[in-house]
Amino acid sequence: MKLRIFSFVRVIVIVIVLVVSIADARAQTSVEQIPASAISHAGFFNNEIRLFDLINRERLKTGLRLLSWDDRLAKLARSYSRKMADEDFFDHIDQDGNDVVARAKSFRIRDWSRIGENLFECEGAEDPTRLSIYGWMHSPSHRRNLLDPDWIRTGIGIAETSDGRFLVTQVFIGK
């Protein structure tokens, strides 16, 4: 009897290891979806990609499809993070009265029926990516946005202010 229980436990451990390995492999393939042209971007690109990967890991945990990286959305998100940093504000509506819809139109991004945005601000963080995902996952409205099954593509932009604050913008689109 002891031997059967031990064998059963060993089989369960092996199955858990396989499931975790498959989940990690799926999450890592999300980074492979990024076009080679995106790799040439300077600045916070590595942190943006790390955050993208962390978001897809959260989606994978709940059985959602992975988001695809969209260079155009990343440019839009980077531009908005930079604008907030340069103009010293933090809001979904910029100082000209534009929201994410107006900003997407100005970037000529039109192939969507739904668009959304998450923002995050922190200071004194060595790793704004982990803090961003933690903050978003612990905010009901941001979590709902991250785990919305209708989103298909995303882009992320990070900027740092002159006083060391990090501003993170994520833009989602769906059809």
N, C-alpha and C. Protein backbone atom coordinates (compact mmCIF):
# COMPACT_ATOMS: atom_id res chain seq x y z
N MET A 1 0.82 -1.19 0.00
CA MET A 1 0.00 0.00 0.00
C MET A 1 0.86 1.26 0.00
N LYS A 2 1.93 1.26 0.83
CA LYS A 2 2.83 2.39 0.90
C LYS A 2 3.46 2.66 -0.46
N LEU A 3 3.85 1.60 -1.16
CA LEU A 3 4.49 1.73 -2.46
C LEU A 3 3.54 2.34 -3.48
N ARG A 4 2.27 1.95 -3.45
CA ARG A 4 1.28 2.51 -4.38
C ARG A 4 1.08 4.01 -4.14
N ILE A 5 0.97 4.40 -2.88
CA ILE A 5 0.80 5.82 -2.55
C ILE A 5 2.01 6.61 -3.02
N PHE A 6 3.20 6.09 -2.76
CA PHE A 6 4.43 6.75 -3.18
C PHE A 6 4.45 6.90 -4.70
N SER A 7 4.10 5.84 -5.42
CA SER A 7 4.08 5.90 -6.89
C SER A 7 3.04 6.90 -7.39
N PHE A 8 1.89 6.92 -6.74
CA PHE A 8 0.84 7.84 -7.12
C PHE A 8 1.29 9.29 -6.92
N VAL A 9 1.90 9.57 -5.78
CA VAL A 9 2.41 10.91 -5.49
C VAL A 9 3.48 11.29 -6.49
N ARG A 10 4.36 10.35 -6.83
CA ARG A 10 5.41 10.62 -7.81
C ARG A 10 4.82 10.97 -9.18
N VAL A 11 3.78 10.26 -9.57
CA VAL A 11 3.11 10.53 -10.85
C VAL A 11 2.50 11.93 -10.83
N ILE A 12 1.87 12.31 -9.73
CA ILE A 12 1.27 13.64 -9.63
C ILE A 12 2.34 14.72 -9.71
N VAL A 13 3.45 14.51 -9.05
CA VAL A 13 4.55 15.48 -9.11
C VAL A 13 5.06 15.62 -10.53
N ILE A 14 5.21 14.53 -11.24
CA ILE A 14 5.67 14.56 -12.63
C ILE A 14 4.67 15.32 -13.50
N VAL A 15 3.38 15.08 -13.29
CA VAL A 15 2.35 15.77 -14.08
C VAL A 15 2.40 17.28 -13.79
N ILE A 16 2.56 17.66 -12.53
CA ILE A 16 2.64 19.09 -12.18
C ILE A 16 3.85 19.72 -12.85
N VAL A 17 4.99 19.04 -12.81
CA VAL A 17 6.21 19.57 -13.45
C VAL A 17 5.98 19.75 -14.94
N LEU A 18 5.34 18.80 -15.58
CA LEU A 18 5.06 18.90 -17.02
C LEU A 18 4.13 20.07 -17.33
N VAL A 19 3.08 20.24 -16.52
CA VAL A 19 2.15 21.34 -16.75
C VAL A 19 2.86 22.68 -16.60
N VAL A 20 3.67 22.82 -15.56
CA VAL A 20 4.42 24.07 -15.35
C VAL A 20 5.39 24.30 -16.50
N SER A 21 6.05 23.25 -16.97
CA SER A 21 6.99 23.38 -18.09
C SER A 21 6.27 23.82 -19.36
N ILE A 22 5.11 23.25 -19.62
CA ILE A 22 4.34 23.63 -20.81
C ILE A 22 3.89 25.09 -20.69
N ALA A 23 3.42 25.49 -19.50
CA ALA A 23 2.99 26.88 -19.30
C ALA A 23 4.15 27.84 -19.52
N ASP A 24 5.34 27.50 -18.98
CA ASP A 24 6.51 28.36 -19.18
C ASP A 24 6.87 28.44 -20.66
N ALA A 25 6.82 27.32 -21.35
CA ALA A 25 7.15 27.31 -22.78
C ALA A 25 6.17 28.17 -23.56
N ARG A 26 4.86 28.07 -23.22
CA ARG A 26 3.87 28.90 -23.91
C ARG A 26 4.11 30.38 -23.65
N ALA A 27 4.38 30.72 -22.39
CA ALA A 27 4.62 32.12 -22.05
C ALA A 27 5.86 32.64 -22.75
N GLN A 28 6.89 31.83 -22.87
CA GLN A 28 8.11 32.28 -23.53
C GLN A 28 7.90 32.47 -25.02
N THR A 29 6.99 31.71 -25.61
CA THR A 29 6.75 31.91 -27.04
C THR A 29 6.11 33.26 -27.31
N SER A 30 5.49 33.87 -26.29
CA SER A 30 4.90 35.18 -26.51
C SER A 30 5.95 36.20 -26.93
N VAL A 31 7.13 36.10 -26.37
CA VAL A 31 8.20 37.02 -26.74
C VAL A 31 8.63 36.78 -28.18
N GLU A 32 8.53 35.55 -28.65
CA GLU A 32 8.93 35.24 -30.02
C GLU A 32 7.98 35.85 -31.04
N GLN A 33 6.79 36.28 -30.61
CA GLN A 33 5.83 36.89 -31.52
C GLN A 33 6.25 38.31 -31.91
N ILE A 34 7.23 38.85 -31.23
CA ILE A 34 7.64 40.23 -31.46
C ILE A 34 8.45 40.33 -32.74
N PRO A 35 8.08 41.24 -33.64
CA PRO A 35 8.84 41.37 -34.88
C PRO A 35 10.26 41.84 -34.63
N ALA A 36 11.16 41.43 -35.50
CA ALA A 36 12.58 41.78 -35.35
C ALA A 36 12.78 43.29 -35.35
N SER A 37 11.94 44.03 -36.06
CA SER A 37 12.09 45.48 -36.11
C SER A 37 11.93 46.11 -34.73
N ALA A 38 11.17 45.47 -33.86
CA ALA A 38 10.94 46.03 -32.52
C ALA A 38 12.20 45.98 -31.68
N ILE A 39 13.07 45.05 -31.96
CA ILE A 39 14.26 44.87 -31.14
C ILE A 39 15.22 46.04 -31.26
N SER A 40 15.11 46.81 -32.31
CA SER A 40 16.03 47.93 -32.50
C SER A 40 15.68 49.15 -31.65
N HIS A 41 14.50 49.17 -30.99
CA HIS A 41 14.11 50.32 -30.17
C HIS A 41 15.02 50.47 -28.97
N ALA A 42 15.40 51.72 -28.71
CA ALA A 42 16.27 52.01 -27.56
C ALA A 42 15.42 52.22 -26.32
N GLY A 43 16.07 52.62 -25.24
CA GLY A 43 15.34 52.98 -24.03
C GLY A 43 14.95 51.78 -23.19
N PHE A 44 13.69 51.71 -22.86
CA PHE A 44 13.19 50.73 -21.91
C PHE A 44 12.66 49.47 -22.58
N PHE A 45 13.08 49.21 -23.80
CA PHE A 45 12.51 48.09 -24.55
C PHE A 45 12.56 46.77 -23.78
N ASN A 46 13.69 46.46 -23.16
CA ASN A 46 13.78 45.19 -22.42
C ASN A 46 12.75 45.11 -21.30
N ASN A 47 12.54 46.22 -20.59
CA ASN A 47 11.52 46.23 -19.54
C ASN A 47 10.12 46.12 -20.12
N GLU A 48 9.89 46.74 -21.26
CA GLU A 48 8.59 46.63 -21.91
C GLU A 48 8.30 45.18 -22.29
N ILE A 49 9.31 44.50 -22.82
CA ILE A 49 9.13 43.10 -23.23
C ILE A 49 8.96 42.21 -22.00
N ARG A 50 9.70 42.50 -20.94
CA ARG A 50 9.54 41.72 -19.70
C ARG A 50 8.12 41.88 -19.17
N LEU A 51 7.60 43.09 -19.19
CA LEU A 51 6.23 43.33 -18.73
C LEU A 51 5.22 42.63 -19.63
N PHE A 52 5.44 42.69 -20.91
CA PHE A 52 4.60 41.97 -21.88
C PHE A 52 4.57 40.47 -21.55
N ASP A 53 5.72 39.91 -21.26
CA ASP A 53 5.81 38.49 -20.91
C ASP A 53 5.07 38.21 -19.60
N LEU A 54 5.24 39.07 -18.60
CA LEU A 54 4.55 38.88 -17.32
C LEU A 54 3.03 38.95 -17.49
N ILE A 55 2.56 39.85 -18.33
CA ILE A 55 1.13 39.97 -18.59
C ILE A 55 0.62 38.69 -19.26
N ASN A 56 1.35 38.20 -20.24
CA ASN A 56 0.92 36.97 -20.91
C ASN A 56 0.96 35.77 -19.97
N ARG A 57 1.87 35.77 -19.02
CA ARG A 57 1.89 34.68 -18.02
C ARG A 57 0.63 34.73 -17.16
N GLU A 58 0.20 35.93 -16.80
CA GLU A 58 -1.03 36.07 -16.02
C GLU A 58 -2.23 35.60 -16.84
N ARG A 59 -2.25 35.94 -18.11
CA ARG A 59 -3.35 35.51 -18.98
C ARG A 59 -3.34 33.99 -19.13
N LEU A 60 -2.17 33.43 -19.28
CA LEU A 60 -2.03 31.98 -19.43
C LEU A 60 -2.55 31.24 -18.19
N LYS A 61 -2.29 31.79 -17.01
CA LYS A 61 -2.75 31.18 -15.76
C LYS A 61 -4.26 31.03 -15.72
N THR A 62 -4.96 31.94 -16.39
CA THR A 62 -6.43 31.90 -16.37
C THR A 62 -7.01 31.26 -17.63
N GLY A 63 -6.14 30.70 -18.46
CA GLY A 63 -6.60 30.01 -19.65
C GLY A 63 -6.90 30.91 -20.83
N LEU A 64 -6.50 32.17 -20.77
CA LEU A 64 -6.74 33.09 -21.87
C LEU A 64 -5.66 32.97 -22.94
N ARG A 65 -6.01 33.35 -24.16
CA ARG A 65 -5.01 33.36 -25.21
C ARG A 65 -4.00 34.46 -24.94
N LEU A 66 -2.80 34.25 -25.46
CA LEU A 66 -1.73 35.22 -25.29
C LEU A 66 -1.98 36.43 -26.18
N LEU A 67 -1.61 37.58 -25.68
CA LEU A 67 -1.67 38.79 -26.50
C LEU A 67 -0.50 38.80 -27.47
N SER A 68 -0.69 39.38 -28.62
CA SER A 68 0.39 39.58 -29.58
C SER A 68 0.94 40.98 -29.41
N TRP A 69 2.25 41.11 -29.59
CA TRP A 69 2.90 42.41 -29.53
C TRP A 69 2.59 43.17 -30.81
N ASP A 70 2.30 44.45 -30.68
CA ASP A 70 2.01 45.30 -31.84
C ASP A 70 2.93 46.52 -31.75
N ASP A 71 3.84 46.63 -32.71
CA ASP A 71 4.80 47.74 -32.74
C ASP A 71 4.13 49.11 -32.74
N ARG A 72 3.03 49.22 -33.49
CA ARG A 72 2.34 50.51 -33.58
C ARG A 72 1.78 50.92 -32.21
N LEU A 73 1.21 49.93 -31.49
CA LEU A 73 0.68 50.22 -30.16
C LEU A 73 1.80 50.55 -29.18
N ALA A 74 2.95 49.89 -29.35
CA ALA A 74 4.09 50.19 -28.48
C ALA A 74 4.57 51.62 -28.72
N LYS A 75 4.62 52.05 -29.99
CA LYS A 75 5.02 53.44 -30.29
C LYS A 75 4.04 54.43 -29.67
N LEU A 76 2.75 54.12 -29.77
CA LEU A 76 1.72 54.96 -29.17
C LEU A 76 1.90 55.01 -27.65
N ALA A 77 2.10 53.86 -27.03
CA ALA A 77 2.27 53.79 -25.57
C ALA A 77 3.54 54.51 -25.12
N ARG A 78 4.64 54.31 -25.85
CA ARG A 78 5.90 55.01 -25.52
C ARG A 78 5.72 56.53 -25.62
N SER A 79 5.07 56.94 -26.68
CA SER A 79 4.85 58.36 -26.90
C SER A 79 4.03 58.96 -25.76
N TYR A 80 3.00 58.24 -25.31
CA TYR A 80 2.17 58.78 -24.24
C TYR A 80 2.89 58.79 -22.90
N SER A 81 3.65 57.74 -22.61
CA SER A 81 4.44 57.72 -21.38
C SER A 81 5.44 58.88 -21.38
N ARG A 82 6.07 59.10 -22.53
CA ARG A 82 7.04 60.20 -22.65
C ARG A 82 6.35 61.55 -22.47
N LYS A 83 5.16 61.71 -23.07
CA LYS A 83 4.40 62.97 -22.95
C LYS A 83 4.05 63.24 -21.49
N MET A 84 3.58 62.20 -20.79
CA MET A 84 3.24 62.39 -19.36
C MET A 84 4.50 62.76 -18.57
N ALA A 85 5.62 62.13 -18.88
CA ALA A 85 6.88 62.43 -18.18
C ALA A 85 7.33 63.87 -18.47
N ASP A 86 7.30 64.27 -19.72
CA ASP A 86 7.77 65.60 -20.11
C ASP A 86 6.87 66.72 -19.59
N GLU A 87 5.55 66.45 -19.58
CA GLU A 87 4.59 67.49 -19.18
C GLU A 87 4.16 67.36 -17.72
N ASP A 88 4.74 66.41 -17.01
CA ASP A 88 4.51 66.22 -15.58
C ASP A 88 3.03 66.08 -15.21
N PHE A 89 2.37 65.08 -15.82
CA PHE A 89 1.00 64.74 -15.44
C PHE A 89 0.84 63.23 -15.53
N PHE A 90 -0.25 62.73 -14.97
CA PHE A 90 -0.54 61.29 -15.00
C PHE A 90 -2.05 61.13 -15.08
N ASP A 91 -2.55 60.80 -16.28
CA ASP A 91 -3.99 60.70 -16.47
C ASP A 91 -4.26 60.03 -17.82
N HIS A 92 -5.45 59.45 -17.96
CA HIS A 92 -5.84 58.85 -19.24
C HIS A 92 -6.20 59.91 -20.28
N ILE A 93 -6.48 61.11 -19.83
CA ILE A 93 -6.77 62.23 -20.73
C ILE A 93 -5.59 63.18 -20.67
N ASP A 94 -4.98 63.47 -21.83
CA ASP A 94 -3.82 64.36 -21.82
C ASP A 94 -4.25 65.81 -21.65
N GLN A 95 -3.29 66.70 -21.54
CA GLN A 95 -3.59 68.10 -21.27
C GLN A 95 -4.24 68.82 -22.45
N ASP A 96 -4.28 68.15 -23.61
CA ASP A 96 -4.98 68.69 -24.77
C ASP A 96 -6.40 68.14 -24.88
N GLY A 97 -6.78 67.29 -23.91
CA GLY A 97 -8.12 66.71 -23.91
C GLY A 97 -8.25 65.41 -24.70
N ASN A 98 -7.13 64.84 -25.13
CA ASN A 98 -7.16 63.62 -25.94
C ASN A 98 -7.14 62.37 -25.07
N ASP A 99 -7.98 61.41 -25.42
CA ASP A 99 -7.95 60.11 -24.76
C ASP A 99 -7.25 59.10 -25.68
N VAL A 100 -7.25 57.84 -25.28
CA VAL A 100 -6.55 56.81 -26.06
C VAL A 100 -7.13 56.67 -27.47
N VAL A 101 -8.43 56.88 -27.62
CA VAL A 101 -9.05 56.79 -28.95
C VAL A 101 -8.48 57.88 -29.86
N ALA A 102 -8.44 59.10 -29.37
CA ALA A 102 -7.90 60.21 -30.17
C ALA A 102 -6.42 60.00 -30.47
N ARG A 103 -5.68 59.51 -29.48
CA ARG A 103 -4.25 59.27 -29.71
C ARG A 103 -4.04 58.17 -30.75
N ALA A 104 -4.85 57.11 -30.70
CA ALA A 104 -4.73 56.03 -31.69
C ALA A 104 -5.04 56.56 -33.09
N LYS A 105 -6.05 57.39 -33.20
CA LYS A 105 -6.38 57.99 -34.50
C LYS A 105 -5.23 58.84 -35.01
N SER A 106 -4.60 59.61 -34.12
CA SER A 106 -3.49 60.45 -34.56
C SER A 106 -2.29 59.63 -35.01
N PHE A 107 -2.18 58.39 -34.51
CA PHE A 107 -1.12 57.47 -34.94
C PHE A 107 -1.59 56.61 -36.14
N ARG A 108 -2.79 56.90 -36.63
CA ARG A 108 -3.38 56.18 -37.76
C ARG A 108 -3.56 54.69 -37.49
N ILE A 109 -3.89 54.37 -36.26
CA ILE A 109 -4.20 52.98 -35.88
C ILE A 109 -5.71 52.86 -35.92
N ARG A 110 -6.20 52.12 -36.91
CA ARG A 110 -7.65 52.08 -37.13
C ARG A 110 -8.23 50.67 -37.17
N ASP A 111 -7.41 49.66 -37.15
CA ASP A 111 -7.91 48.29 -37.33
C ASP A 111 -8.35 47.65 -36.02
N TRP A 112 -9.27 48.30 -35.33
CA TRP A 112 -9.76 47.78 -34.06
C TRP A 112 -11.22 48.17 -33.89
N SER A 113 -11.92 47.41 -33.07
CA SER A 113 -13.28 47.78 -32.70
C SER A 113 -13.36 48.13 -31.21
N ARG A 114 -12.34 47.73 -30.46
CA ARG A 114 -12.23 48.04 -29.03
C ARG A 114 -10.80 48.49 -28.76
N ILE A 115 -10.67 49.46 -27.88
CA ILE A 115 -9.34 49.90 -27.48
C ILE A 115 -9.37 50.21 -25.98
N GLY A 116 -8.30 49.91 -25.31
CA GLY A 116 -8.22 50.17 -23.88
C GLY A 116 -6.80 50.54 -23.49
N GLU A 117 -6.68 50.99 -22.24
CA GLU A 117 -5.39 51.48 -21.80
C GLU A 117 -5.24 51.25 -20.30
N ASN A 118 -4.08 50.82 -19.88
CA ASN A 118 -3.69 50.77 -18.48
C ASN A 118 -2.51 51.70 -18.28
N LEU A 119 -2.52 52.44 -17.18
CA LEU A 119 -1.41 53.32 -16.82
C LEU A 119 -0.90 52.91 -15.44
N PHE A 120 0.39 53.14 -15.23
CA PHE A 120 0.99 52.87 -13.92
C PHE A 120 2.09 53.88 -13.68
N GLU A 121 2.21 54.31 -12.44
CA GLU A 121 3.25 55.26 -12.06
C GLU A 121 3.90 54.77 -10.77
N CYS A 122 5.22 54.83 -10.71
CA CYS A 122 5.92 54.47 -9.48
C CYS A 122 7.22 55.26 -9.40
N GLU A 123 7.76 55.32 -8.22
CA GLU A 123 9.06 55.99 -8.08
C GLU A 123 9.93 55.17 -7.16
N GLY A 124 11.23 55.31 -7.36
CA GLY A 124 12.19 54.61 -6.53
C GLY A 124 12.23 53.11 -6.75
N ALA A 125 11.73 52.65 -7.89
CA ALA A 125 11.68 51.21 -8.17
C ALA A 125 12.87 50.81 -9.02
N GLU A 126 13.57 49.79 -8.60
CA GLU A 126 14.64 49.25 -9.43
C GLU A 126 14.05 48.46 -10.59
N ASP A 127 12.88 47.87 -10.37
CA ASP A 127 12.25 47.04 -11.39
C ASP A 127 10.80 47.49 -11.59
N PRO A 128 10.56 48.48 -12.45
CA PRO A 128 9.19 48.96 -12.65
C PRO A 128 8.27 47.91 -13.28
N THR A 129 8.84 46.89 -13.93
CA THR A 129 7.99 45.89 -14.57
C THR A 129 7.25 45.04 -13.53
N ARG A 130 7.96 44.53 -12.57
CA ARG A 130 7.33 43.69 -11.53
C ARG A 130 6.35 44.50 -10.70
N LEU A 131 6.71 45.74 -10.41
CA LEU A 131 5.82 46.59 -9.64
C LEU A 131 4.56 46.93 -10.44
N SER A 132 4.72 47.14 -11.74
CA SER A 132 3.57 47.43 -12.62
C SER A 132 2.58 46.27 -12.62
N ILE A 133 3.08 45.07 -12.87
CA ILE A 133 2.17 43.92 -12.95
C ILE A 133 1.51 43.67 -11.60
N TYR A 134 2.28 43.86 -10.52
CA TYR A 134 1.72 43.69 -9.18
C TYR A 134 0.60 44.71 -8.95
N GLY A 135 0.87 45.97 -9.27
CA GLY A 135 -0.14 47.01 -9.09
C GLY A 135 -1.38 46.77 -9.92
N TRP A 136 -1.19 46.42 -11.18
CA TRP A 136 -2.33 46.18 -12.07
C TRP A 136 -3.14 44.96 -11.63
N MET A 137 -2.47 43.91 -11.21
CA MET A 137 -3.20 42.70 -10.82
C MET A 137 -3.93 42.89 -9.48
N HIS A 138 -3.54 43.89 -8.71
CA HIS A 138 -4.21 44.15 -7.44
C HIS A 138 -5.20 45.32 -7.51
N SER A 139 -5.43 45.81 -8.70
CA SER A 139 -6.44 46.84 -8.94
C SER A 139 -7.56 46.19 -9.76
N PRO A 140 -8.78 46.14 -9.24
CA PRO A 140 -9.86 45.43 -9.96
C PRO A 140 -10.06 45.89 -11.41
N SER A 141 -10.03 47.19 -11.67
CA SER A 141 -10.28 47.65 -13.04
C SER A 141 -9.10 47.33 -13.97
N HIS A 142 -7.87 47.47 -13.47
CA HIS A 142 -6.70 47.15 -14.30
C HIS A 142 -6.60 45.65 -14.53
N ARG A 143 -6.87 44.86 -13.50
CA ARG A 143 -6.86 43.40 -13.63
C ARG A 143 -7.88 42.96 -14.68
N ARG A 144 -9.08 43.54 -14.60
CA ARG A 144 -10.13 43.21 -15.57
C ARG A 144 -9.66 43.52 -16.99
N ASN A 145 -8.96 44.62 -17.17
CA ASN A 145 -8.42 44.99 -18.48
C ASN A 145 -7.37 43.97 -18.94
N LEU A 146 -6.42 43.65 -18.04
CA LEU A 146 -5.37 42.69 -18.40
C LEU A 146 -5.92 41.33 -18.80
N LEU A 147 -6.99 40.94 -18.13
CA LEU A 147 -7.53 39.59 -18.34
C LEU A 147 -8.79 39.58 -19.21
N ASP A 148 -9.00 40.64 -19.95
CA ASP A 148 -10.14 40.70 -20.86
C ASP A 148 -9.88 39.76 -22.04
N PRO A 149 -10.76 38.78 -22.26
CA PRO A 149 -10.52 37.81 -23.34
C PRO A 149 -10.65 38.38 -24.74
N ASP A 150 -11.24 39.57 -24.87
CA ASP A 150 -11.43 40.15 -26.20
C ASP A 150 -10.22 40.91 -26.72
N TRP A 151 -9.24 41.19 -25.87
CA TRP A 151 -8.03 41.85 -26.36
C TRP A 151 -7.20 40.85 -27.15
N ILE A 152 -6.63 41.31 -28.25
CA ILE A 152 -5.80 40.41 -29.06
C ILE A 152 -4.37 40.92 -29.24
N ARG A 153 -4.21 42.25 -29.23
CA ARG A 153 -2.87 42.82 -29.41
C ARG A 153 -2.62 43.90 -28.38
N THR A 154 -1.34 44.14 -28.11
CA THR A 154 -0.98 45.15 -27.13
C THR A 154 0.37 45.75 -27.45
N GLY A 155 0.63 46.89 -26.85
CA GLY A 155 1.93 47.52 -26.90
C GLY A 155 2.15 48.23 -25.57
N ILE A 156 3.39 48.31 -25.15
CA ILE A 156 3.73 48.88 -23.84
C ILE A 156 4.83 49.91 -24.03
N GLY A 157 4.74 51.00 -23.29
CA GLY A 157 5.77 52.03 -23.33
C GLY A 157 6.10 52.50 -21.93
N ILE A 158 7.38 52.62 -21.63
CA ILE A 158 7.85 53.06 -20.32
C ILE A 158 8.72 54.30 -20.52
N ALA A 159 8.52 55.29 -19.67
CA ALA A 159 9.36 56.49 -19.68
C ALA A 159 9.72 56.82 -18.23
N GLU A 160 10.86 57.48 -18.09
CA GLU A 160 11.30 57.91 -16.76
C GLU A 160 11.33 59.43 -16.73
N THR A 161 10.84 59.99 -15.64
CA THR A 161 10.84 61.44 -15.48
C THR A 161 12.21 61.90 -15.00
N SER A 162 12.43 63.20 -15.02
CA SER A 162 13.72 63.74 -14.59
C SER A 162 13.96 63.50 -13.10
N ASP A 163 12.89 63.31 -12.32
CA ASP A 163 13.06 63.05 -10.90
C ASP A 163 12.99 61.56 -10.54
N GLY A 164 13.07 60.69 -11.55
CA GLY A 164 13.19 59.25 -11.31
C GLY A 164 11.89 58.46 -11.20
N ARG A 165 10.76 59.07 -11.53
CA ARG A 165 9.50 58.31 -11.55
C ARG A 165 9.39 57.56 -12.87
N PHE A 166 8.75 56.39 -12.82
CA PHE A 166 8.49 55.62 -14.03
C PHE A 166 7.02 55.72 -14.37
N LEU A 167 6.75 55.97 -15.66
CA LEU A 167 5.39 56.02 -16.16
C LEU A 167 5.25 54.92 -17.20
N VAL A 168 4.23 54.08 -17.00
CA VAL A 168 4.03 52.91 -17.85
C VAL A 168 2.65 53.04 -18.51
N THR A 169 2.61 52.86 -19.81
CA THR A 169 1.36 52.86 -20.56
C THR A 169 1.26 51.55 -21.31
N GLN A 170 0.10 50.92 -21.20
CA GLN A 170 -0.19 49.73 -22.02
C GLN A 170 -1.47 50.01 -22.78
N VAL A 171 -1.42 49.79 -24.10
CA VAL A 171 -2.60 49.97 -24.94
C VAL A 171 -2.99 48.61 -25.49
N PHE A 172 -4.30 48.31 -25.43
CA PHE A 172 -4.85 47.05 -25.92
C PHE A 172 -5.79 47.35 -27.08
N ILE A 173 -5.85 46.44 -28.04
CA ILE A 173 -6.92 46.52 -29.04
C ILE A 173 -7.54 45.15 -29.24
N GLY A 174 -8.80 45.19 -29.66
CA GLY A 174 -9.54 43.97 -29.96
C GLY A 174 -10.42 44.21 -31.16
N LYS A 175 -10.90 43.13 -31.72
CA LYS A 175 -11.79 43.26 -32.88
C LYS A 175 -13.16 42.76 -32.55
